[in-house]
mmCIF file of all heavy atoms, coordinates in Angstrom:
data_MODEL
# 
_entry.id   MODEL 
# 
loop_
_atom_site.group_PDB 
_atom_site.id 
_atom_site.type_symbol 
_atom_site.label_atom_id 
_atom_site.label_alt_id 
_atom_site.label_comp_id 
_atom_site.label_asym_id 
_atom_site.label_entity_id 
_atom_site.label_seq_id 
_atom_site.pdbx_PDB_ins_code 
_atom_site.Cartn_x 
_atom_site.Cartn_y 
_atom_site.Cartn_z 
_atom_site.occupancy 
_atom_site.B_iso_or_equiv 
_atom_site.pdbx_formal_charge 
_atom_site.auth_seq_id 
_atom_site.auth_comp_id 
_atom_site.auth_asym_id 
_atom_site.auth_atom_id 
_atom_site.pdbx_PDB_model_num 
ATOM 1   N N   . ILE A 1 1  ? -11.176 23.451 -14.057 1.00 0.00 ? 1  ILE A N   1 
ATOM 2   C CA  . ILE A 1 1  ? -10.241 22.798 -14.971 1.00 0.00 ? 1  ILE A CA  1 
ATOM 3   C C   . ILE A 1 1  ? -9.032  22.318 -14.178 1.00 0.00 ? 1  ILE A C   1 
ATOM 4   O O   . ILE A 1 1  ? -8.350  23.117 -13.524 1.00 0.00 ? 1  ILE A O   1 
ATOM 5   C CB  . ILE A 1 1  ? -9.811  23.759 -16.090 1.00 0.00 ? 1  ILE A CB  1 
ATOM 6   C CG1 . ILE A 1 1  ? -11.040 24.208 -16.896 1.00 0.00 ? 1  ILE A CG1 1 
ATOM 7   C CG2 . ILE A 1 1  ? -8.777  23.101 -16.999 1.00 0.00 ? 1  ILE A CG2 1 
ATOM 8   C CD1 . ILE A 1 1  ? -10.750 25.315 -17.896 1.00 0.00 ? 1  ILE A CD1 1 
ATOM 9   N N   . ASN A 1 2  ? -8.774  21.029 -14.238 1.00 0.00 ? 2  ASN A N   1 
ATOM 10  C CA  . ASN A 1 2  ? -7.705  20.378 -13.485 1.00 0.00 ? 2  ASN A CA  1 
ATOM 11  C C   . ASN A 1 2  ? -6.494  20.223 -14.410 1.00 0.00 ? 2  ASN A C   1 
ATOM 12  O O   . ASN A 1 2  ? -6.531  19.451 -15.361 1.00 0.00 ? 2  ASN A O   1 
ATOM 13  C CB  . ASN A 1 2  ? -8.191  19.012 -12.991 1.00 0.00 ? 2  ASN A CB  1 
ATOM 14  C CG  . ASN A 1 2  ? -7.281  18.385 -11.966 1.00 0.00 ? 2  ASN A CG  1 
ATOM 15  O OD1 . ASN A 1 2  ? -6.091  18.643 -11.932 1.00 0.00 ? 2  ASN A OD1 1 
ATOM 16  N ND2 . ASN A 1 2  ? -7.845  17.515 -11.141 1.00 0.00 ? 2  ASN A ND2 1 
ATOM 17  N N   . CYS A 1 3  ? -5.408  20.938 -14.106 1.00 0.00 ? 3  CYS A N   1 
ATOM 18  C CA  . CYS A 1 3  ? -4.267  20.994 -15.021 1.00 0.00 ? 3  CYS A CA  1 
ATOM 19  C C   . CYS A 1 3  ? -3.293  19.822 -14.887 1.00 0.00 ? 3  CYS A C   1 
ATOM 20  O O   . CYS A 1 3  ? -2.349  19.732 -15.683 1.00 0.00 ? 3  CYS A O   1 
ATOM 21  C CB  . CYS A 1 3  ? -3.502  22.293 -14.828 1.00 0.00 ? 3  CYS A CB  1 
ATOM 22  S SG  . CYS A 1 3  ? -4.356  23.744 -15.463 1.00 0.00 ? 3  CYS A SG  1 
ATOM 23  N N   . HIS A 1 4  ? -3.486  18.955 -13.891 1.00 0.00 ? 4  HIS A N   1 
ATOM 24  C CA  . HIS A 1 4  ? -2.552  17.826 -13.792 1.00 0.00 ? 4  HIS A CA  1 
ATOM 25  C C   . HIS A 1 4  ? -3.152  16.697 -12.967 1.00 0.00 ? 4  HIS A C   1 
ATOM 26  O O   . HIS A 1 4  ? -3.409  16.855 -11.771 1.00 0.00 ? 4  HIS A O   1 
ATOM 27  C CB  . HIS A 1 4  ? -1.242  18.258 -13.156 1.00 0.00 ? 4  HIS A CB  1 
ATOM 28  C CG  . HIS A 1 4  ? -0.233  17.146 -13.068 1.00 0.00 ? 4  HIS A CG  1 
ATOM 29  N ND1 . HIS A 1 4  ? 0.309   16.563 -14.193 1.00 0.00 ? 4  HIS A ND1 1 
ATOM 30  C CD2 . HIS A 1 4  ? 0.320   16.505 -12.015 1.00 0.00 ? 4  HIS A CD2 1 
ATOM 31  C CE1 . HIS A 1 4  ? 1.175   15.616 -13.832 1.00 0.00 ? 4  HIS A CE1 1 
ATOM 32  N NE2 . HIS A 1 4  ? 1.192   15.551 -12.512 1.00 0.00 ? 4  HIS A NE2 1 
ATOM 33  N N   . THR A 1 5  ? -3.345  15.566 -13.616 1.00 0.00 ? 5  THR A N   1 
ATOM 34  C CA  . THR A 1 5  ? -3.747  14.343 -12.910 1.00 0.00 ? 5  THR A CA  1 
ATOM 35  C C   . THR A 1 5  ? -2.911  13.170 -13.395 1.00 0.00 ? 5  THR A C   1 
ATOM 36  O O   . THR A 1 5  ? -2.391  13.171 -14.507 1.00 0.00 ? 5  THR A O   1 
ATOM 37  C CB  . THR A 1 5  ? -5.237  14.002 -13.132 1.00 0.00 ? 5  THR A CB  1 
ATOM 38  O OG1 . THR A 1 5  ? -5.458  13.692 -14.521 1.00 0.00 ? 5  THR A OG1 1 
ATOM 39  C CG2 . THR A 1 5  ? -6.148  15.135 -12.719 1.00 0.00 ? 5  THR A CG2 1 
ATOM 40  N N   . HIS A 1 6  ? -2.770  12.200 -12.509 1.00 0.00 ? 6  HIS A N   1 
ATOM 41  C CA  . HIS A 1 6  ? -2.377  10.837 -12.864 1.00 0.00 ? 6  HIS A CA  1 
ATOM 42  C C   . HIS A 1 6  ? -3.550  9.986  -12.386 1.00 0.00 ? 6  HIS A C   1 
ATOM 43  O O   . HIS A 1 6  ? -3.525  9.410  -11.300 1.00 0.00 ? 6  HIS A O   1 
ATOM 44  C CB  . HIS A 1 6  ? -1.086  10.421 -12.147 1.00 0.00 ? 6  HIS A CB  1 
ATOM 45  C CG  . HIS A 1 6  ? 0.144   11.089 -12.656 1.00 0.00 ? 6  HIS A CG  1 
ATOM 46  N ND1 . HIS A 1 6  ? 0.771   10.692 -13.819 1.00 0.00 ? 6  HIS A ND1 1 
ATOM 47  C CD2 . HIS A 1 6  ? 0.870   12.114 -12.161 1.00 0.00 ? 6  HIS A CD2 1 
ATOM 48  C CE1 . HIS A 1 6  ? 1.839   11.467 -14.010 1.00 0.00 ? 6  HIS A CE1 1 
ATOM 49  N NE2 . HIS A 1 6  ? 1.915   12.332 -13.024 1.00 0.00 ? 6  HIS A NE2 1 
ATOM 50  N N   . ILE A 1 7  ? -4.581  9.951  -13.204 1.00 0.00 ? 7  ILE A N   1 
ATOM 51  C CA  . ILE A 1 7  ? -5.840  9.396  -12.737 1.00 0.00 ? 7  ILE A CA  1 
ATOM 52  C C   . ILE A 1 7  ? -5.851  7.866  -12.785 1.00 0.00 ? 7  ILE A C   1 
ATOM 53  O O   . ILE A 1 7  ? -6.664  7.221  -12.131 1.00 0.00 ? 7  ILE A O   1 
ATOM 54  C CB  . ILE A 1 7  ? -7.013  10.001 -13.547 1.00 0.00 ? 7  ILE A CB  1 
ATOM 55  C CG1 . ILE A 1 7  ? -8.277  10.050 -12.699 1.00 0.00 ? 7  ILE A CG1 1 
ATOM 56  C CG2 . ILE A 1 7  ? -7.220  9.269  -14.874 1.00 0.00 ? 7  ILE A CG2 1 
ATOM 57  C CD1 . ILE A 1 7  ? -9.304  11.005 -13.224 1.00 0.00 ? 7  ILE A CD1 1 
ATOM 58  N N   . GLY A 1 8  ? -4.891  7.283  -13.523 1.00 0.00 ? 8  GLY A N   1 
ATOM 59  C CA  . GLY A 1 8  ? -4.861  5.834  -13.669 1.00 0.00 ? 8  GLY A CA  1 
ATOM 60  C C   . GLY A 1 8  ? -4.594  5.090  -12.383 1.00 0.00 ? 8  GLY A C   1 
ATOM 61  O O   . GLY A 1 8  ? -5.034  3.945  -12.217 1.00 0.00 ? 8  GLY A O   1 
ATOM 62  N N   . ASP A 1 9  ? -3.857  5.716  -11.443 1.00 0.00 ? 9  ASP A N   1 
ATOM 63  C CA  . ASP A 1 9  ? -3.547  4.984  -10.212 1.00 0.00 ? 9  ASP A CA  1 
ATOM 64  C C   . ASP A 1 9  ? -4.652  5.078  -9.168  1.00 0.00 ? 9  ASP A C   1 
ATOM 65  O O   . ASP A 1 9  ? -4.458  4.738  -8.004  1.00 0.00 ? 9  ASP A O   1 
ATOM 66  C CB  . ASP A 1 9  ? -2.184  5.394  -9.642  1.00 0.00 ? 9  ASP A CB  1 
ATOM 67  C CG  . ASP A 1 9  ? -2.067  6.874  -9.311  1.00 0.00 ? 9  ASP A CG  1 
ATOM 68  O OD1 . ASP A 1 9  ? -3.090  7.528  -9.091  1.00 0.00 ? 9  ASP A OD1 1 
ATOM 69  O OD2 . ASP A 1 9  ? -0.919  7.380  -9.261  1.00 0.00 ? 9  ASP A OD2 1 
ATOM 70  N N   . THR A 1 10 ? -5.830  5.512  -9.590  1.00 0.00 ? 10 THR A N   1 
ATOM 71  C CA  . THR A 1 10 ? -6.993  5.499  -8.698  1.00 0.00 ? 10 THR A CA  1 
ATOM 72  C C   . THR A 1 10 ? -7.340  4.086  -8.234  1.00 0.00 ? 10 THR A C   1 
ATOM 73  O O   . THR A 1 10 ? -8.031  3.904  -7.236  1.00 0.00 ? 10 THR A O   1 
ATOM 74  C CB  . THR A 1 10 ? -8.209  6.132  -9.407  1.00 0.00 ? 10 THR A CB  1 
ATOM 75  O OG1 . THR A 1 10 ? -9.278  6.270  -8.463  1.00 0.00 ? 10 THR A OG1 1 
ATOM 76  C CG2 . THR A 1 10 ? -8.678  5.280  -10.581 1.00 0.00 ? 10 THR A CG2 1 
ATOM 77  N N   . VAL A 1 11 ? -6.855  3.062  -8.961  1.00 0.00 ? 11 VAL A N   1 
ATOM 78  C CA  . VAL A 1 11 ? -7.158  1.665  -8.610  1.00 0.00 ? 11 VAL A CA  1 
ATOM 79  C C   . VAL A 1 11 ? -6.298  1.156  -7.457  1.00 0.00 ? 11 VAL A C   1 
ATOM 80  O O   . VAL A 1 11 ? -6.472  0.008  -7.014  1.00 0.00 ? 11 VAL A O   1 
ATOM 81  C CB  . VAL A 1 11 ? -6.987  0.735  -9.831  1.00 0.00 ? 11 VAL A CB  1 
ATOM 82  C CG1 . VAL A 1 11 ? -8.059  1.012  -10.867 1.00 0.00 ? 11 VAL A CG1 1 
ATOM 83  C CG2 . VAL A 1 11 ? -5.590  0.901  -10.444 1.00 0.00 ? 11 VAL A CG2 1 
ATOM 84  N N   . VAL A 1 12 ? -5.372  1.993  -6.974  1.00 0.00 ? 12 VAL A N   1 
ATOM 85  C CA  . VAL A 1 12 ? -4.540  1.586  -5.823  1.00 0.00 ? 12 VAL A CA  1 
ATOM 86  C C   . VAL A 1 12 ? -4.561  2.698  -4.772  1.00 0.00 ? 12 VAL A C   1 
ATOM 87  O O   . VAL A 1 12 ? -3.533  3.108  -4.245  1.00 0.00 ? 12 VAL A O   1 
ATOM 88  C CB  . VAL A 1 12 ? -3.102  1.234  -6.242  1.00 0.00 ? 12 VAL A CB  1 
ATOM 89  C CG1 . VAL A 1 12 ? -3.071  -0.076 -7.014  1.00 0.00 ? 12 VAL A CG1 1 
ATOM 90  C CG2 . VAL A 1 12 ? -2.462  2.364  -7.074  1.00 0.00 ? 12 VAL A CG2 1 
ATOM 91  N N   . LYS A 1 13 ? -5.736  3.193  -4.473  1.00 0.00 ? 13 LYS A N   1 
ATOM 92  C CA  . LYS A 1 13 ? -5.883  4.282  -3.503  1.00 0.00 ? 13 LYS A CA  1 
ATOM 93  C C   . LYS A 1 13 ? -5.209  3.947  -2.174  1.00 0.00 ? 13 LYS A C   1 
ATOM 94  O O   . LYS A 1 13 ? -5.323  2.835  -1.666  1.00 0.00 ? 13 LYS A O   1 
ATOM 95  C CB  . LYS A 1 13 ? -7.364  4.585  -3.250  1.00 0.00 ? 13 LYS A CB  1 
ATOM 96  C CG  . LYS A 1 13 ? -8.109  5.168  -4.440  1.00 0.00 ? 13 LYS A CG  1 
ATOM 97  C CD  . LYS A 1 13 ? -9.549  5.464  -4.066  1.00 0.00 ? 13 LYS A CD  1 
ATOM 98  C CE  . LYS A 1 13 ? -10.317 6.040  -5.253  1.00 0.00 ? 13 LYS A CE  1 
ATOM 99  N NZ  . LYS A 1 13 ? -10.631 4.987  -6.237  1.00 0.00 ? 13 LYS A NZ  1 
ATOM 100 N N   . GLU A 1 14 ? -4.517  4.961  -1.655  1.00 0.00 ? 14 GLU A N   1 
ATOM 101 C CA  . GLU A 1 14 ? -3.823  4.869  -0.363  1.00 0.00 ? 14 GLU A CA  1 
ATOM 102 C C   . GLU A 1 14 ? -2.696  3.838  -0.355  1.00 0.00 ? 14 GLU A C   1 
ATOM 103 O O   . GLU A 1 14 ? -2.200  3.473  0.719   1.00 0.00 ? 14 GLU A O   1 
ATOM 104 C CB  . GLU A 1 14 ? -4.785  4.616  0.800   1.00 0.00 ? 14 GLU A CB  1 
ATOM 105 C CG  . GLU A 1 14 ? -5.488  5.861  1.297   1.00 0.00 ? 14 GLU A CG  1 
ATOM 106 C CD  . GLU A 1 14 ? -6.317  6.579  0.227   1.00 0.00 ? 14 GLU A CD  1 
ATOM 107 O OE1 . GLU A 1 14 ? -7.377  6.068  -0.155  1.00 0.00 ? 14 GLU A OE1 1 
ATOM 108 O OE2 . GLU A 1 14 ? -5.890  7.661  -0.214  1.00 0.00 ? 14 GLU A OE2 1 
ATOM 109 N N   . LEU A 1 15 ? -2.260  3.395  -1.501  1.00 0.00 ? 15 LEU A N   1 
ATOM 110 C CA  . LEU A 1 15 ? -1.108  2.496  -1.559  1.00 0.00 ? 15 LEU A CA  1 
ATOM 111 C C   . LEU A 1 15 ? 0.118   3.143  -0.906  1.00 0.00 ? 15 LEU A C   1 
ATOM 112 O O   . LEU A 1 15 ? 0.910   2.467  -0.257  1.00 0.00 ? 15 LEU A O   1 
ATOM 113 C CB  . LEU A 1 15 ? -0.790  2.145  -3.017  1.00 0.00 ? 15 LEU A CB  1 
ATOM 114 C CG  . LEU A 1 15 ? 0.478   1.309  -3.258  1.00 0.00 ? 15 LEU A CG  1 
ATOM 115 C CD1 . LEU A 1 15 ? 0.319   -0.083 -2.643  1.00 0.00 ? 15 LEU A CD1 1 
ATOM 116 C CD2 . LEU A 1 15 ? 0.773   1.208  -4.752  1.00 0.00 ? 15 LEU A CD2 1 
ATOM 117 N N   . GLY A 1 16 ? 0.245   4.461  -1.080  1.00 0.00 ? 16 GLY A N   1 
ATOM 118 C CA  . GLY A 1 16 ? 1.413   5.143  -0.555  1.00 0.00 ? 16 GLY A CA  1 
ATOM 119 C C   . GLY A 1 16 ? 1.279   5.666  0.851   1.00 0.00 ? 16 GLY A C   1 
ATOM 120 O O   . GLY A 1 16 ? 2.217   6.274  1.383   1.00 0.00 ? 16 GLY A O   1 
ATOM 121 N N   . TYR A 1 17 ? 0.119   5.433  1.484   1.00 0.00 ? 17 TYR A N   1 
ATOM 122 C CA  . TYR A 1 17 ? -0.091  6.003  2.822   1.00 0.00 ? 17 TYR A CA  1 
ATOM 123 C C   . TYR A 1 17 ? 0.884   5.388  3.824   1.00 0.00 ? 17 TYR A C   1 
ATOM 124 O O   . TYR A 1 17 ? 0.926   4.179  4.028   1.00 0.00 ? 17 TYR A O   1 
ATOM 125 C CB  . TYR A 1 17 ? -1.525  5.738  3.286   1.00 0.00 ? 17 TYR A CB  1 
ATOM 126 C CG  . TYR A 1 17 ? -1.911  6.522  4.525   1.00 0.00 ? 17 TYR A CG  1 
ATOM 127 C CD1 . TYR A 1 17 ? -2.577  7.737  4.407   1.00 0.00 ? 17 TYR A CD1 1 
ATOM 128 C CD2 . TYR A 1 17 ? -1.603  6.072  5.800   1.00 0.00 ? 17 TYR A CD2 1 
ATOM 129 C CE1 . TYR A 1 17 ? -2.930  8.474  5.527   1.00 0.00 ? 17 TYR A CE1 1 
ATOM 130 C CE2 . TYR A 1 17 ? -1.947  6.801  6.924   1.00 0.00 ? 17 TYR A CE2 1 
ATOM 131 C CZ  . TYR A 1 17 ? -2.607  8.000  6.781   1.00 0.00 ? 17 TYR A CZ  1 
ATOM 132 O OH  . TYR A 1 17 ? -2.948  8.731  7.890   1.00 0.00 ? 17 TYR A OH  1 
ATOM 133 N N   . GLY A 1 18 ? 1.694   6.248  4.431   1.00 0.00 ? 18 GLY A N   1 
ATOM 134 C CA  . GLY A 1 18 ? 2.630   5.771  5.441   1.00 0.00 ? 18 GLY A CA  1 
ATOM 135 C C   . GLY A 1 18 ? 3.865   5.077  4.901   1.00 0.00 ? 18 GLY A C   1 
ATOM 136 O O   . GLY A 1 18 ? 4.677   4.574  5.677   1.00 0.00 ? 18 GLY A O   1 
ATOM 137 N N   . VAL A 1 19 ? 4.016   5.029  3.574   1.00 0.00 ? 19 VAL A N   1 
ATOM 138 C CA  . VAL A 1 19 ? 5.201   4.387  2.988   1.00 0.00 ? 19 VAL A CA  1 
ATOM 139 C C   . VAL A 1 19 ? 6.415   5.281  3.237   1.00 0.00 ? 19 VAL A C   1 
ATOM 140 O O   . VAL A 1 19 ? 6.380   6.480  2.923   1.00 0.00 ? 19 VAL A O   1 
ATOM 141 C CB  . VAL A 1 19 ? 5.008   4.154  1.478   1.00 0.00 ? 19 VAL A CB  1 
ATOM 142 C CG1 . VAL A 1 19 ? 6.291   3.664  0.840   1.00 0.00 ? 19 VAL A CG1 1 
ATOM 143 C CG2 . VAL A 1 19 ? 3.887   3.152  1.249   1.00 0.00 ? 19 VAL A CG2 1 
ATOM 144 N N   . PRO A 1 20 ? 7.503   4.766  3.800   1.00 0.00 ? 20 PRO A N   1 
ATOM 145 C CA  . PRO A 1 20 ? 8.681   5.593  4.083   1.00 0.00 ? 20 PRO A CA  1 
ATOM 146 C C   . PRO A 1 20 ? 9.247   6.242  2.825   1.00 0.00 ? 20 PRO A C   1 
ATOM 147 O O   . PRO A 1 20 ? 9.110   5.716  1.711   1.00 0.00 ? 20 PRO A O   1 
ATOM 148 C CB  . PRO A 1 20 ? 9.681   4.596  4.684   1.00 0.00 ? 20 PRO A CB  1 
ATOM 149 C CG  . PRO A 1 20 ? 8.844   3.470  5.196   1.00 0.00 ? 20 PRO A CG  1 
ATOM 150 C CD  . PRO A 1 20 ? 7.672   3.372  4.265   1.00 0.00 ? 20 PRO A CD  1 
ATOM 151 N N   . ALA A 1 21 ? 9.902   7.377  3.010   1.00 0.00 ? 21 ALA A N   1 
ATOM 152 C CA  . ALA A 1 21 ? 10.410  8.150  1.883   1.00 0.00 ? 21 ALA A CA  1 
ATOM 153 C C   . ALA A 1 21 ? 11.475  7.416  1.088   1.00 0.00 ? 21 ALA A C   1 
ATOM 154 O O   . ALA A 1 21 ? 11.683  7.699  -0.095  1.00 0.00 ? 21 ALA A O   1 
ATOM 155 C CB  . ALA A 1 21 ? 10.957  9.489  2.377   1.00 0.00 ? 21 ALA A CB  1 
ATOM 156 N N   . ASP A 1 22 ? 12.171  6.456  1.724   1.00 0.00 ? 22 ASP A N   1 
ATOM 157 C CA  . ASP A 1 22 ? 13.239  5.747  1.007   1.00 0.00 ? 22 ASP A CA  1 
ATOM 158 C C   . ASP A 1 22 ? 12.733  4.557  0.201   1.00 0.00 ? 22 ASP A C   1 
ATOM 159 O O   . ASP A 1 22 ? 13.514  3.846  -0.433  1.00 0.00 ? 22 ASP A O   1 
ATOM 160 C CB  . ASP A 1 22 ? 14.326  5.290  1.978   1.00 0.00 ? 22 ASP A CB  1 
ATOM 161 C CG  . ASP A 1 22 ? 13.803  4.342  3.062   1.00 0.00 ? 22 ASP A CG  1 
ATOM 162 O OD1 . ASP A 1 22 ? 12.578  4.157  3.156   1.00 0.00 ? 22 ASP A OD1 1 
ATOM 163 O OD2 . ASP A 1 22 ? 14.641  3.804  3.807   1.00 0.00 ? 22 ASP A OD2 1 
ATOM 164 N N   . VAL A 1 23 ? 11.419  4.322  0.200   1.00 0.00 ? 23 VAL A N   1 
ATOM 165 C CA  . VAL A 1 23 ? 10.816  3.255  -0.600  1.00 0.00 ? 23 VAL A CA  1 
ATOM 166 C C   . VAL A 1 23 ? 10.382  3.830  -1.935  1.00 0.00 ? 23 VAL A C   1 
ATOM 167 O O   . VAL A 1 23 ? 9.817   4.925  -2.005  1.00 0.00 ? 23 VAL A O   1 
ATOM 168 C CB  . VAL A 1 23 ? 9.614   2.632  0.132   1.00 0.00 ? 23 VAL A CB  1 
ATOM 169 C CG1 . VAL A 1 23 ? 8.885   1.636  -0.780  1.00 0.00 ? 23 VAL A CG1 1 
ATOM 170 C CG2 . VAL A 1 23 ? 10.052  1.945  1.410   1.00 0.00 ? 23 VAL A CG2 1 
ATOM 171 N N   . ASN A 1 24 ? 10.643  3.129  -3.024  1.00 0.00 ? 24 ASN A N   1 
ATOM 172 C CA  . ASN A 1 24 ? 10.267  3.578  -4.362  1.00 0.00 ? 24 ASN A CA  1 
ATOM 173 C C   . ASN A 1 24 ? 8.762   3.393  -4.549  1.00 0.00 ? 24 ASN A C   1 
ATOM 174 O O   . ASN A 1 24 ? 8.288   2.295  -4.820  1.00 0.00 ? 24 ASN A O   1 
ATOM 175 C CB  . ASN A 1 24 ? 11.040  2.794  -5.425  1.00 0.00 ? 24 ASN A CB  1 
ATOM 176 C CG  . ASN A 1 24 ? 10.712  3.264  -6.837  1.00 0.00 ? 24 ASN A CG  1 
ATOM 177 O OD1 . ASN A 1 24 ? 9.912   4.174  -7.051  1.00 0.00 ? 24 ASN A OD1 1 
ATOM 178 N ND2 . ASN A 1 24 ? 11.317  2.626  -7.821  1.00 0.00 ? 24 ASN A ND2 1 
ATOM 179 N N   . LEU A 1 25 ? 8.028   4.489  -4.401  1.00 0.00 ? 25 LEU A N   1 
ATOM 180 C CA  . LEU A 1 25 ? 6.579   4.455  -4.567  1.00 0.00 ? 25 LEU A CA  1 
ATOM 181 C C   . LEU A 1 25 ? 6.170   4.800  -5.990  1.00 0.00 ? 25 LEU A C   1 
ATOM 182 O O   . LEU A 1 25 ? 5.281   4.168  -6.561  1.00 0.00 ? 25 LEU A O   1 
ATOM 183 C CB  . LEU A 1 25 ? 5.933   5.442  -3.588  1.00 0.00 ? 25 LEU A CB  1 
ATOM 184 C CG  . LEU A 1 25 ? 4.423   5.652  -3.713  1.00 0.00 ? 25 LEU A CG  1 
ATOM 185 C CD1 . LEU A 1 25 ? 3.668   4.355  -3.407  1.00 0.00 ? 25 LEU A CD1 1 
ATOM 186 C CD2 . LEU A 1 25 ? 3.963   6.782  -2.785  1.00 0.00 ? 25 LEU A CD2 1 
ATOM 187 N N   . LEU A 1 26 ? 6.833   5.793  -6.607  1.00 0.00 ? 26 LEU A N   1 
ATOM 188 C CA  . LEU A 1 26 ? 6.339   6.392  -7.844  1.00 0.00 ? 26 LEU A CA  1 
ATOM 189 C C   . LEU A 1 26 ? 7.140   6.080  -9.091  1.00 0.00 ? 26 LEU A C   1 
ATOM 190 O O   . LEU A 1 26 ? 6.627   6.157  -10.201 1.00 0.00 ? 26 LEU A O   1 
ATOM 191 C CB  . LEU A 1 26 ? 6.301   7.919  -7.682  1.00 0.00 ? 26 LEU A CB  1 
ATOM 192 C CG  . LEU A 1 26 ? 5.405   8.463  -6.568  1.00 0.00 ? 26 LEU A CG  1 
ATOM 193 C CD1 . LEU A 1 26 ? 5.610   9.963  -6.436  1.00 0.00 ? 26 LEU A CD1 1 
ATOM 194 C CD2 . LEU A 1 26 ? 3.947   8.148  -6.853  1.00 0.00 ? 26 LEU A CD2 1 
ATOM 195 N N   . TRP A 1 27 ? 8.422   5.735  -8.950  1.00 0.00 ? 27 TRP A N   1 
ATOM 196 C CA  . TRP A 1 27 ? 9.295   5.717  -10.113 1.00 0.00 ? 27 TRP A CA  1 
ATOM 197 C C   . TRP A 1 27 ? 9.254   4.384  -10.861 1.00 0.00 ? 27 TRP A C   1 
ATOM 198 O O   . TRP A 1 27 ? 9.276   3.327  -10.261 1.00 0.00 ? 27 TRP A O   1 
ATOM 199 C CB  . TRP A 1 27 ? 10.733  6.013  -9.683  1.00 0.00 ? 27 TRP A CB  1 
ATOM 200 C CG  . TRP A 1 27 ? 10.858  7.365  -9.060  1.00 0.00 ? 27 TRP A CG  1 
ATOM 201 C CD1 . TRP A 1 27 ? 10.865  7.664  -7.730  1.00 0.00 ? 27 TRP A CD1 1 
ATOM 202 C CD2 . TRP A 1 27 ? 10.945  8.615  -9.744  1.00 0.00 ? 27 TRP A CD2 1 
ATOM 203 N NE1 . TRP A 1 27 ? 10.973  9.026  -7.538  1.00 0.00 ? 27 TRP A NE1 1 
ATOM 204 C CE2 . TRP A 1 27 ? 11.029  9.630  -8.771  1.00 0.00 ? 27 TRP A CE2 1 
ATOM 205 C CE3 . TRP A 1 27 ? 10.986  8.966  -11.092 1.00 0.00 ? 27 TRP A CE3 1 
ATOM 206 C CZ2 . TRP A 1 27 ? 11.128  10.977 -9.091  1.00 0.00 ? 27 TRP A CZ2 1 
ATOM 207 C CZ3 . TRP A 1 27 ? 11.086  10.322 -11.414 1.00 0.00 ? 27 TRP A CZ3 1 
ATOM 208 C CH2 . TRP A 1 27 ? 11.160  11.306 -10.424 1.00 0.00 ? 27 TRP A CH2 1 
ATOM 209 N N   . GLN A 1 28 ? 9.202   4.493  -12.177 1.00 0.00 ? 28 GLN A N   1 
ATOM 210 C CA  . GLN A 1 28 ? 9.277   3.311  -13.033 1.00 0.00 ? 28 GLN A CA  1 
ATOM 211 C C   . GLN A 1 28 ? 10.721  2.793  -13.090 1.00 0.00 ? 28 GLN A C   1 
ATOM 212 O O   . GLN A 1 28 ? 11.658  3.587  -12.935 1.00 0.00 ? 28 GLN A O   1 
ATOM 213 C CB  . GLN A 1 28 ? 8.803   3.672  -14.450 1.00 0.00 ? 28 GLN A CB  1 
ATOM 214 C CG  . GLN A 1 28 ? 7.298   3.900  -14.532 1.00 0.00 ? 28 GLN A CG  1 
ATOM 215 C CD  . GLN A 1 28 ? 6.844   4.185  -15.937 1.00 0.00 ? 28 GLN A CD  1 
ATOM 216 O OE1 . GLN A 1 28 ? 6.671   5.326  -16.329 1.00 0.00 ? 28 GLN A OE1 1 
ATOM 217 N NE2 . GLN A 1 28 ? 6.635   3.130  -16.708 1.00 0.00 ? 28 GLN A NE2 1 
# 
């Protein structure tokens, strides 16, 4: 049983790979 997913962003896999911490990756 998986208690937490954001499964919708599976369509942009690895979008955040190597993105610097000061870039807004997650926030609306």
